[in-house]
Amino acid sequence: QAASAAHLLRRNLLIYGVGGLVVPFIGIKLIDMLLTALHL
């Protein structure tokens, strides 16, 4: 996006940094529930 380097850094840290922290918690929990339900 047309923005300053500082703004791009904040945006990417928010999306890919915070997202990288949150998404695995959700994904691993859902996969765990699925594996348990399928008795794998």
PDB file of all heavy atoms in Angstrom:
ATOM      1  N   GLN A   1       0.833  -1.199   0.000  1.00  0.00           N
ATOM      2  CA  GLN A   1       0.000   0.000   0.000  1.00  0.00           C
ATOM      3  C   GLN A   1       0.869   1.251   0.000  1.00  0.00           C
ATOM      4  O   GLN A   1       2.026   1.219   0.431  1.00  0.00           O
ATOM      5  CB  GLN A   1      -0.918   0.004   1.227  1.00  0.00           C
ATOM      6  CG  GLN A   1      -1.911  -1.156   1.261  1.00  0.00           C
ATOM      7  CD  GLN A   1      -2.766  -1.118   2.509  1.00  0.00           C
ATOM      8  OE1 GLN A   1      -2.401  -0.521   3.519  1.00  0.00           O
ATOM      9  NE2 GLN A   1      -3.918  -1.761   2.442  1.00  0.00           N
ATOM     10  N   ALA A   2       0.290   2.337  -0.503  1.00  0.00           N
ATOM     11  CA  ALA A   2       0.995   3.622  -0.508  1.00  0.00           C
ATOM     12  C   ALA A   2       1.018   4.174   0.913  1.00  0.00           C
ATOM     13  O   ALA A   2       0.057   4.779   1.376  1.00  0.00           O
ATOM     14  CB  ALA A   2       0.315   4.596  -1.463  1.00  0.00           C
ATOM     15  N   ALA A   3       2.096   3.901   1.624  1.00  0.00           N
ATOM     16  CA  ALA A   3       2.233   4.353   3.008  1.00  0.00           C
ATOM     17  C   ALA A   3       3.711   4.395   3.358  1.00  0.00           C
ATOM     18  O   ALA A   3       4.557   3.894   2.619  1.00  0.00           O
ATOM     19  CB  ALA A   3       1.472   3.421   3.955  1.00  0.00           C
ATOM     20  N   SER A   4       4.011   4.980   4.494  1.00  0.00           N
ATOM     21  CA  SER A   4       5.401   5.082   4.931  1.00  0.00           C
ATOM     22  C   SER A   4       5.912   3.716   5.363  1.00  0.00           C
ATOM     23  O   SER A   4       5.148   2.788   5.627  1.00  0.00           O
ATOM     24  CB  SER A   4       5.505   6.064   6.096  1.00  0.00           C
ATOM     25  OG  SER A   4       4.803   5.550   7.221  1.00  0.00           O
ATOM     26  N   ALA A   5       7.233   3.615   5.452  1.00  0.00           N
ATOM     27  CA  ALA A   5       7.841   2.353   5.862  1.00  0.00           C
ATOM     28  C   ALA A   5       7.400   1.974   7.272  1.00  0.00           C
ATOM     29  O   ALA A   5       7.159   0.796   7.561  1.00  0.00           O
ATOM     30  CB  ALA A   5       9.363   2.471   5.780  1.00  0.00           C
ATOM     31  N   ALA A   6       7.280   2.967   8.156  1.00  0.00           N
ATOM     32  CA  ALA A   6       6.858   2.685   9.532  1.00  0.00           C
ATOM     33  C   ALA A   6       5.436   2.125   9.554  1.00  0.00           C
ATOM     34  O   ALA A   6       5.131   1.186  10.305  1.00  0.00           O
ATOM     35  CB  ALA A   6       6.939   3.957  10.368  1.00  0.00           C
ATOM     36  N   HIS A   7       4.556   2.701   8.730  1.00  0.00           N
ATOM     37  CA  HIS A   7       3.175   2.215   8.675  1.00  0.00           C
ATOM     38  C   HIS A   7       3.124   0.797   8.120  1.00  0.00           C
ATOM     39  O   HIS A   7       2.378  -0.055   8.624  1.00  0.00           O
ATOM     40  CB  HIS A   7       2.328   3.150   7.808  1.00  0.00           C
ATOM     41  CG  HIS A   7       0.890   2.719   7.680  1.00  0.00           C
ATOM     42  ND1 HIS A   7       0.449   1.867   6.682  1.00  0.00           N
ATOM     43  CD2 HIS A   7      -0.205   3.020   8.428  1.00  0.00           C
ATOM     44  CE1 HIS A   7      -0.836   1.652   6.816  1.00  0.00           C
ATOM     45  NE2 HIS A   7      -1.267   2.341   7.867  1.00  0.00           N
ATOM     46  N   LEU A   8       3.910   0.517   7.078  1.00  0.00           N
ATOM     47  CA  LEU A   8       3.939  -0.832   6.505  1.00  0.00           C
ATOM     48  C   LEU A   8       4.454  -1.838   7.526  1.00  0.00           C
ATOM     49  O   LEU A   8       3.945  -2.965   7.614  1.00  0.00           O
ATOM     50  CB  LEU A   8       4.822  -0.852   5.252  1.00  0.00           C
ATOM     51  CG  LEU A   8       4.275  -0.135   4.017  1.00  0.00           C
ATOM     52  CD1 LEU A   8       5.314  -0.145   2.905  1.00  0.00           C
ATOM     53  CD2 LEU A   8       2.986  -0.782   3.528  1.00  0.00           C
ATOM     54  N   LEU A   9       5.466  -1.435   8.294  1.00  0.00           N
ATOM     55  CA  LEU A   9       6.014  -2.331   9.312  1.00  0.00           C
ATOM     56  C   LEU A   9       4.963  -2.636  10.372  1.00  0.00           C
ATOM     57  O   LEU A   9       4.781  -3.804  10.758  1.00  0.00           O
ATOM     58  CB  LEU A   9       7.250  -1.698   9.949  1.00  0.00           C
ATOM     59  CG  LEU A   9       7.910  -2.515  11.064  1.00  0.00           C
ATOM     60  CD1 LEU A   9       8.393  -3.859  10.533  1.00  0.00           C
ATOM     61  CD2 LEU A   9       9.062  -1.729  11.682  1.00  0.00           C
ATOM     62  N   ARG A  10       4.265  -1.599  10.857  1.00  0.00           N
ATOM     63  CA  ARG A  10       3.224  -1.815  11.877  1.00  0.00           C
ATOM     64  C   ARG A  10       2.120  -2.712  11.334  1.00  0.00           C
ATOM     65  O   ARG A  10       1.625  -3.617  12.029  1.00  0.00           O
ATOM     66  CB  ARG A  10       2.637  -0.474  12.325  1.00  0.00           C
ATOM     67  CG  ARG A  10       3.557   0.355  13.202  1.00  0.00           C
ATOM     68  CD  ARG A  10       2.788   1.476  13.878  1.00  0.00           C
ATOM     69  NE  ARG A  10       2.177   2.365  12.908  1.00  0.00           N
ATOM     70  CZ  ARG A  10       2.764   3.450  12.399  1.00  0.00           C
ATOM     71  NH1 ARG A  10       3.998   3.753  12.778  1.00  0.00           N
ATOM     72  NH2 ARG A  10       2.136   4.216  11.527  1.00  0.00           N
ATOM     73  N   ARG A  11       1.733  -2.470  10.084  1.00  0.00           N
ATOM     74  CA  ARG A  11       0.654  -3.258   9.480  1.00  0.00           C
ATOM     75  C   ARG A  11       1.055  -4.723   9.366  1.00  0.00           C
ATOM     76  O   ARG A  11       0.276  -5.626   9.701  1.00  0.00           O
ATOM     77  CB  ARG A  11       0.321  -2.686   8.098  1.00  0.00           C
ATOM     78  CG  ARG A  11      -0.724  -3.478   7.320  1.00  0.00           C
ATOM     79  CD  ARG A  11      -1.006  -2.803   5.981  1.00  0.00           C
ATOM     80  NE  ARG A  11      -1.950  -3.583   5.186  1.00  0.00           N
ATOM     81  CZ  ARG A  11      -1.598  -4.570   4.374  1.00  0.00           C
ATOM     82  NH1 ARG A  11      -0.324  -4.909   4.253  1.00  0.00           N
ATOM     83  NH2 ARG A  11      -2.506  -5.231   3.688  1.00  0.00           N
ATOM     84  N   ASN A  12       2.266  -4.985   8.873  1.00  0.00           N
ATOM     85  CA  ASN A  12       2.695  -6.371   8.698  1.00  0.00           C
ATOM     86  C   ASN A  12       2.908  -7.079  10.034  1.00  0.00           C
ATOM     87  O   ASN A  12       2.630  -8.269  10.156  1.00  0.00           O
ATOM     88  CB  ASN A  12       3.971  -6.429   7.861  1.00  0.00           C
ATOM     89  CG  ASN A  12       3.686  -6.228   6.378  1.00  0.00           C
ATOM     90  OD1 ASN A  12       2.556  -6.369   5.939  1.00  0.00           O
ATOM     91  ND2 ASN A  12       4.714  -5.886   5.619  1.00  0.00           N
ATOM     92  N   LEU A  13       3.391  -6.347  11.052  1.00  0.00           N
ATOM     93  CA  LEU A  13       3.537  -6.950  12.374  1.00  0.00           C
ATOM     94  C   LEU A  13       2.181  -7.296  12.963  1.00  0.00           C
ATOM     95  O   LEU A  13       2.017  -8.340  13.619  1.00  0.00           O
ATOM     96  CB  LEU A  13       4.289  -5.999  13.310  1.00  0.00           C
ATOM     97  CG  LEU A  13       5.800  -5.866  13.073  1.00  0.00           C
ATOM     98  CD1 LEU A  13       6.399  -4.833  14.017  1.00  0.00           C
ATOM     99  CD2 LEU A  13       6.492  -7.210  13.262  1.00  0.00           C
ATOM    100  N   LEU A  14       1.200  -6.443  12.701  1.00  0.00           N
ATOM    101  CA  LEU A  14      -0.143  -6.702  13.223  1.00  0.00           C
ATOM    102  C   LEU A  14      -0.781  -7.895  12.529  1.00  0.00           C
ATOM    103  O   LEU A  14      -1.346  -8.785  13.167  1.00  0.00           O
ATOM    104  CB  LEU A  14      -1.018  -5.454  13.042  1.00  0.00           C
ATOM    105  CG  LEU A  14      -2.476  -5.579  13.520  1.00  0.00           C
ATOM    106  CD1 LEU A  14      -2.516  -5.816  15.030  1.00  0.00           C
ATOM    107  CD2 LEU A  14      -3.266  -4.320  13.164  1.00  0.00           C
ATOM    108  N   ILE A  15      -0.663  -7.924  11.188  1.00  0.00           N
ATOM    109  CA  ILE A  15      -1.328  -8.986  10.435  1.00  0.00           C
ATOM    110  C   ILE A  15      -0.564 -10.302  10.522  1.00  0.00           C
ATOM    111  O   ILE A  15      -1.134 -11.353  10.863  1.00  0.00           O
ATOM    112  CB  ILE A  15      -1.498  -8.571   8.960  1.00  0.00           C
ATOM    113  CG1 ILE A  15      -2.432  -7.356   8.851  1.00  0.00           C
ATOM    114  CG2 ILE A  15      -2.049  -9.736   8.130  1.00  0.00           C
ATOM    115  CD1 ILE A  15      -2.563  -6.817   7.444  1.00  0.00           C
ATOM    116  N   TYR A  16       0.739 -10.259  10.225  1.00  0.00           N
ATOM    117  CA  TYR A  16       1.504 -11.498  10.129  1.00  0.00           C
ATOM    118  C   TYR A  16       2.214 -11.866  11.435  1.00  0.00           C
ATOM    119  O   TYR A  16       2.523 -13.035  11.651  1.00  0.00           O
ATOM    120  CB  TYR A  16       2.514 -11.398   8.985  1.00  0.00           C
ATOM    121  CG  TYR A  16       1.838 -11.166   7.662  1.00  0.00           C
ATOM    122  CD1 TYR A  16       1.772  -9.898   7.096  1.00  0.00           C
ATOM    123  CD2 TYR A  16       1.229 -12.217   6.985  1.00  0.00           C
ATOM    124  CE1 TYR A  16       1.134  -9.693   5.885  1.00  0.00           C
ATOM    125  CE2 TYR A  16       0.582 -12.018   5.783  1.00  0.00           C
ATOM    126  CZ  TYR A  16       0.538 -10.737   5.236  1.00  0.00           C
ATOM    127  OH  TYR A  16      -0.104 -10.543   4.048  1.00  0.00           O
ATOM    128  N   GLY A  17       2.471 -10.871  12.292  1.00  0.00           N
ATOM    129  CA  GLY A  17       3.062 -11.172  13.587  1.00  0.00           C
ATOM    130  C   GLY A  17       2.011 -11.657  14.568  1.00  0.00           C
ATOM    131  O   GLY A  17       2.074 -12.785  15.074  1.00  0.00           O
ATOM    132  N   VAL A  18       1.011 -10.799  14.826  1.00  0.00           N
ATOM    133  CA  VAL A  18      -0.073 -11.190  15.729  1.00  0.00           C
ATOM    134  C   VAL A  18      -0.856 -12.358  15.138  1.00  0.00           C
ATOM    135  O   VAL A  18      -1.230 -13.307  15.843  1.00  0.00           O
ATOM    136  CB  VAL A  18      -1.001  -9.990  16.004  1.00  0.00           C
ATOM    137  CG1 VAL A  18      -2.178 -10.416  16.870  1.00  0.00           C
ATOM    138  CG2 VAL A  18      -0.229  -8.868  16.672  1.00  0.00           C
ATOM    139  N   GLY A  19      -1.078 -12.302  13.797  1.00  0.00           N
ATOM    140  CA  GLY A  19      -1.778 -13.413  13.143  1.00  0.00           C
ATOM    141  C   GLY A  19      -1.018 -14.712  13.282  1.00  0.00           C
ATOM    142  O   GLY A  19      -1.604 -15.782  13.486  1.00  0.00           O
ATOM    143  N   GLY A  20       0.322 -14.631  13.189  1.00  0.00           N
ATOM    144  CA  GLY A  20       1.139 -15.828  13.346  1.00  0.00           C
ATOM    145  C   GLY A  20       1.080 -16.393  14.748  1.00  0.00           C
ATOM    146  O   GLY A  20       1.318 -17.589  14.956  1.00  0.00           O
ATOM    147  N   LEU A  21       0.762 -15.552  15.735  1.00  0.00           N
ATOM    148  CA  LEU A  21       0.609 -16.026  17.106  1.00  0.00           C
ATOM    149  C   LEU A  21      -0.760 -16.663  17.344  1.00  0.00           C
ATOM    150  O   LEU A  21      -0.877 -17.689  18.020  1.00  0.00           O
ATOM    151  CB  LEU A  21       0.801 -14.862  18.088  1.00  0.00           C
ATOM    152  CG  LEU A  21       2.218 -14.312  18.258  1.00  0.00           C
ATOM    153  CD1 LEU A  21       2.192 -13.044  19.093  1.00  0.00           C
ATOM    154  CD2 LEU A  21       3.121 -15.353  18.899  1.00  0.00           C
ATOM    155  N   VAL A  22      -1.789 -16.042  16.788  1.00  0.00           N
ATOM    156  CA  VAL A  22      -3.161 -16.457  17.086  1.00  0.00           C
ATOM    157  C   VAL A  22      -3.605 -17.660  16.259  1.00  0.00           C
ATOM    158  O   VAL A  22      -4.202 -18.614  16.789  1.00  0.00           O
ATOM    159  CB  VAL A  22      -4.126 -15.270  16.857  1.00  0.00           C
ATOM    160  CG1 VAL A  22      -5.576 -15.722  17.027  1.00  0.00           C
ATOM    161  CG2 VAL A  22      -3.794 -14.140  17.812  1.00  0.00           C
ATOM    162  N   VAL A  23      -3.318 -17.634  14.936  1.00  0.00           N
ATOM    163  CA  VAL A  23      -3.825 -18.672  14.037  1.00  0.00           C
ATOM    164  C   VAL A  23      -3.440 -20.083  14.477  1.00  0.00           C
ATOM    165  O   VAL A  23      -4.284 -20.992  14.458  1.00  0.00           O
ATOM    166  CB  VAL A  23      -3.370 -18.396  12.584  1.00  0.00           C
ATOM    167  CG1 VAL A  23      -3.674 -19.592  11.680  1.00  0.00           C
ATOM    168  CG2 VAL A  23      -4.062 -17.151  12.050  1.00  0.00           C
ATOM    169  N   PRO A  24      -2.180 -20.348  14.886  1.00  0.00           N
ATOM    170  CA  PRO A  24      -1.838 -21.724  15.281  1.00  0.00           C
ATOM    171  C   PRO A  24      -2.636 -22.230  16.484  1.00  0.00           C
ATOM    172  O   PRO A  24      -2.963 -23.420  16.549  1.00  0.00           O
ATOM    173  CB  PRO A  24      -0.345 -21.632  15.608  1.00  0.00           C
ATOM    174  CG  PRO A  24       0.141 -20.454  14.840  1.00  0.00           C
ATOM    175  CD  PRO A  24      -0.991 -19.497  14.862  1.00  0.00           C
ATOM    176  N   PHE A  25      -2.933 -21.349  17.450  1.00  0.00           N
ATOM    177  CA  PHE A  25      -3.736 -21.786  18.598  1.00  0.00           C
ATOM    178  C   PHE A  25      -5.096 -22.304  18.122  1.00  0.00           C
ATOM    179  O   PHE A  25      -5.568 -23.355  18.566  1.00  0.00           O
ATOM    180  CB  PHE A  25      -3.931 -20.626  19.577  1.00  0.00           C
ATOM    181  CG  PHE A  25      -2.743 -20.376  20.462  1.00  0.00           C
ATOM    182  CD1 PHE A  25      -1.783 -19.446  20.112  1.00  0.00           C
ATOM    183  CD2 PHE A  25      -2.581 -21.088  21.645  1.00  0.00           C
ATOM    184  CE1 PHE A  25      -0.681 -19.224  20.923  1.00  0.00           C
ATOM    185  CE2 PHE A  25      -1.480 -20.864  22.464  1.00  0.00           C
ATOM    186  CZ  PHE A  25      -0.522 -19.930  22.105  1.00  0.00           C
ATOM    187  N   ILE A  26      -5.703 -21.547  17.212  1.00  0.00           N
ATOM    188  CA  ILE A  26      -7.021 -21.956  16.703  1.00  0.00           C
ATOM    189  C   ILE A  26      -6.888 -23.208  15.847  1.00  0.00           C
ATOM    190  O   ILE A  26      -7.655 -24.169  15.995  1.00  0.00           O
ATOM    191  CB  ILE A  26      -7.647 -20.804  15.896  1.00  0.00           C
ATOM    192  CG1 ILE A  26      -7.838 -19.566  16.782  1.00  0.00           C
ATOM    193  CG2 ILE A  26      -8.976 -21.237  15.274  1.00  0.00           C
ATOM    194  CD1 ILE A  26      -8.266 -18.330  16.025  1.00  0.00           C
ATOM    195  N   GLY A  27      -5.891 -23.209  14.938  1.00  0.00           N
ATOM    196  CA  GLY A  27      -5.739 -24.329  14.011  1.00  0.00           C
ATOM    197  C   GLY A  27      -5.398 -25.627  14.716  1.00  0.00           C
ATOM    198  O   GLY A  27      -5.989 -26.687  14.425  1.00  0.00           O
ATOM    199  N   ILE A  28      -4.463 -25.589  15.668  1.00  0.00           N
ATOM    200  CA  ILE A  28      -4.062 -26.810  16.369  1.00  0.00           C
ATOM    201  C   ILE A  28      -5.217 -27.360  17.202  1.00  0.00           C
ATOM    202  O   ILE A  28      -5.437 -28.583  17.248  1.00  0.00           O
ATOM    203  CB  ILE A  28      -2.826 -26.534  17.246  1.00  0.00           C
ATOM    204  CG1 ILE A  28      -1.606 -26.283  16.350  1.00  0.00           C
ATOM    205  CG2 ILE A  28      -2.550 -27.696  18.201  1.00  0.00           C
ATOM    206  CD1 ILE A  28      -0.356 -25.853  17.105  1.00  0.00           C
ATOM    207  N   LYS A  29      -5.972 -26.464  17.827  1.00  0.00           N
ATOM    208  CA  LYS A  29      -7.121 -26.923  18.624  1.00  0.00           C
ATOM    209  C   LYS A  29      -8.170 -27.583  17.738  1.00  0.00           C
ATOM    210  O   LYS A  29      -8.709 -28.655  18.093  1.00  0.00           O
ATOM    211  CB  LYS A  29      -7.732 -25.731  19.374  1.00  0.00           C
ATOM    212  CG  LYS A  29      -8.960 -26.099  20.201  1.00  0.00           C
ATOM    213  CD  LYS A  29      -8.642 -27.144  21.262  1.00  0.00           C
ATOM    214  CE  LYS A  29      -9.864 -27.478  22.105  1.00  0.00           C
ATOM    215  NZ  LYS A  29      -9.578 -28.557  23.098  1.00  0.00           N
ATOM    216  N   LEU A  30      -8.472 -26.998  16.587  1.00  0.00           N
ATOM    217  CA  LEU A  30      -9.471 -27.595  15.688  1.00  0.00           C
ATOM    218  C   LEU A  30      -8.993 -28.953  15.167  1.00  0.00           C
ATOM    219  O   LEU A  30      -9.782 -29.905  15.072  1.00  0.00           O
ATOM    220  CB  LEU A  30      -9.748 -26.646  14.517  1.00  0.00           C
ATOM    221  CG  LEU A  30     -10.488 -25.349  14.859  1.00  0.00           C
ATOM    222  CD1 LEU A  30     -10.597 -24.463  13.626  1.00  0.00           C
ATOM    223  CD2 LEU A  30     -11.879 -25.647  15.422  1.00  0.00           C
ATOM    224  N   ILE A  31      -7.710 -29.047  14.816  1.00  0.00           N
ATOM    225  CA  ILE A  31      -7.172 -30.325  14.326  1.00  0.00           C
ATOM    226  C   ILE A  31      -7.215 -31.373  15.439  1.00  0.00           C
ATOM    227  O   ILE A  31      -7.554 -32.546  15.199  1.00  0.00           O
ATOM    228  CB  ILE A  31      -5.733 -30.136  13.806  1.00  0.00           C
ATOM    229  CG1 ILE A  31      -5.741 -29.243  12.555  1.00  0.00           C
ATOM    230  CG2 ILE A  31      -5.095 -31.489  13.462  1.00  0.00           C
ATOM    231  CD1 ILE A  31      -4.364 -28.827  12.088  1.00  0.00           C
ATOM    232  N   ASP A  32      -6.901 -30.953  16.664  1.00  0.00           N
ATOM    233  CA  ASP A  32      -6.969 -31.874  17.802  1.00  0.00           C
ATOM    234  C   ASP A  32      -8.387 -32.420  17.986  1.00  0.00           C
ATOM    235  O   ASP A  32      -8.586 -33.628  18.206  1.00  0.00           O
ATOM    236  CB  ASP A  32      -6.515 -31.145  19.066  1.00  0.00           C
ATOM    237  CG  ASP A  32      -6.718 -31.976  20.320  1.00  0.00           C
ATOM    238  OD1 ASP A  32      -5.944 -32.922  20.535  1.00  0.00           O
ATOM    239  OD2 ASP A  32      -7.670 -31.678  21.079  1.00  0.00           O
ATOM    240  N   MET A  33      -9.371 -31.558  17.895  1.00  0.00           N
ATOM    241  CA  MET A  33     -10.768 -31.994  18.039  1.00  0.00           C
ATOM    242  C   MET A  33     -11.146 -32.967  16.926  1.00  0.00           C
ATOM    243  O   MET A  33     -11.837 -33.964  17.161  1.00  0.00           O
ATOM    244  CB  MET A  33     -11.688 -30.772  18.027  1.00  0.00           C
ATOM    245  CG  MET A  33     -11.494 -29.840  19.224  1.00  0.00           C
ATOM    246  SD  MET A  33     -12.362 -28.260  19.040  1.00  0.00           S
ATOM    247  CE  MET A  33     -14.066 -28.833  18.947  1.00  0.00           C
ATOM    248  N   LEU A  34     -10.657 -32.687  15.701  1.00  0.00           N
ATOM    249  CA  LEU A  34     -10.982 -33.554  14.565  1.00  0.00           C
ATOM    250  C   LEU A  34     -10.314 -34.922  14.712  1.00  0.00           C
ATOM    251  O   LEU A  34     -10.944 -35.969  14.479  1.00  0.00           O
ATOM    252  CB  LEU A  34     -10.538 -32.888  13.265  1.00  0.00           C
ATOM    253  CG  LEU A  34     -10.842 -33.645  11.969  1.00  0.00           C
ATOM    254  CD1 LEU A  34     -12.345 -33.830  11.789  1.00  0.00           C
ATOM    255  CD2 LEU A  34     -10.258 -32.912  10.767  1.00  0.00           C
ATOM    256  N   LEU A  35      -9.053 -34.943  15.097  1.00  0.00           N
ATOM    257  CA  LEU A  35      -8.342 -36.213  15.273  1.00  0.00           C
ATOM    258  C   LEU A  35      -8.993 -37.058  16.363  1.00  0.00           C
ATOM    259  O   LEU A  35      -9.102 -38.295  16.235  1.00  0.00           O
ATOM    260  CB  LEU A  35      -6.876 -35.945  15.625  1.00  0.00           C
ATOM    261  CG  LEU A  35      -6.002 -35.308  14.544  1.00  0.00           C
ATOM    262  CD1 LEU A  35      -4.606 -35.006  15.085  1.00  0.00           C
ATOM    263  CD2 LEU A  35      -5.898 -36.210  13.327  1.00  0.00           C
ATOM    264  N   THR A  36      -9.402 -36.387  17.437  1.00  0.00           N
ATOM    265  CA  THR A  36     -10.057 -37.110  18.534  1.00  0.00           C
ATOM    266  C   THR A  36     -11.409 -37.664  18.087  1.00  0.00           C
ATOM    267  O   THR A  36     -11.759 -38.809  18.395  1.00  0.00           O
ATOM    268  CB  THR A  36     -10.231 -36.183  19.741  1.00  0.00           C
ATOM    269  OG1 THR A  36      -8.952 -35.649  20.123  1.00  0.00           O
ATOM    270  CG2 THR A  36     -10.830 -36.929  20.922  1.00  0.00           C
ATOM    271  N   ALA A  37     -12.169 -36.826  17.347  1.00  0.00           N
ATOM    272  CA  ALA A  37     -13.490 -37.276  16.887  1.00  0.00           C
ATOM    273  C   ALA A  37     -13.388 -38.448  15.926  1.00  0.00           C
ATOM    274  O   ALA A  37     -14.259 -39.337  15.909  1.00  0.00           O
ATOM    275  CB  ALA A  37     -14.221 -36.112  16.227  1.00  0.00           C
ATOM    276  N   LEU A  38     -12.313 -38.465  15.124  1.00  0.00           N
ATOM    277  CA  LEU A  38     -12.135 -39.553  14.153  1.00  0.00           C
ATOM    278  C   LEU A  38     -11.379 -40.745  14.754  1.00  0.00           C
ATOM    279  O   LEU A  38     -11.107 -41.724  14.038  1.00  0.00           O
ATOM    280  CB  LEU A  38     -11.363 -39.028  12.931  1.00  0.00           C
ATOM    281  CG  LEU A  38     -12.079 -37.958  12.091  1.00  0.00           C
ATOM    282  CD1 LEU A  38     -11.165 -37.451  10.985  1.00  0.00           C
ATOM    283  CD2 LEU A  38     -13.377 -38.503  11.509  1.00  0.00           C
ATOM    284  N   HIS A  39     -11.027 -40.639  16.042  1.00  0.00           N
ATOM    285  CA  HIS A  39     -10.330 -41.717  16.750  1.00  0.00           C
ATOM    286  C   HIS A  39      -9.012 -42.092  16.062  1.00  0.00           C
ATOM    287  O   HIS A  39      -8.653 -43.267  15.970  1.00  0.00           O
ATOM    288  CB  HIS A  39     -11.231 -42.954  16.876  1.00  0.00           C
ATOM    289  CG  HIS A  39     -12.535 -42.680  17.547  1.00  0.00           C
ATOM    290  ND1 HIS A  39     -12.638 -42.405  18.901  1.00  0.00           N
ATOM    291  CD2 HIS A  39     -13.796 -42.610  17.044  1.00  0.00           C
ATOM    292  CE1 HIS A  39     -13.909 -42.186  19.212  1.00  0.00           C
ATOM    293  NE2 HIS A  39     -14.636 -42.305  18.108  1.00  0.00           N
ATOM    294  N   LEU A  40      -8.299 -41.060  15.572  1.00  0.00           N
ATOM    295  CA  LEU A  40      -7.011 -41.302  14.927  1.00  0.00           C
ATOM    296  C   LEU A  40      -5.876 -41.322  15.936  1.00  0.00           C
ATOM    297  O   LEU A  40      -4.742 -41.642  15.576  1.00  0.00           O
ATOM    298  CB  LEU A  40      -6.745 -40.234  13.857  1.00  0.00           C
ATOM    299  CG  LEU A  40      -7.705 -40.265  12.655  1.00  0.00           C
ATOM    300  CD1 LEU A  40      -7.425 -39.095  11.720  1.00  0.00           C
ATOM    301  CD2 LEU A  40      -7.566 -41.587  11.905  1.00  0.00           C
TER     302      LEU A  40
END
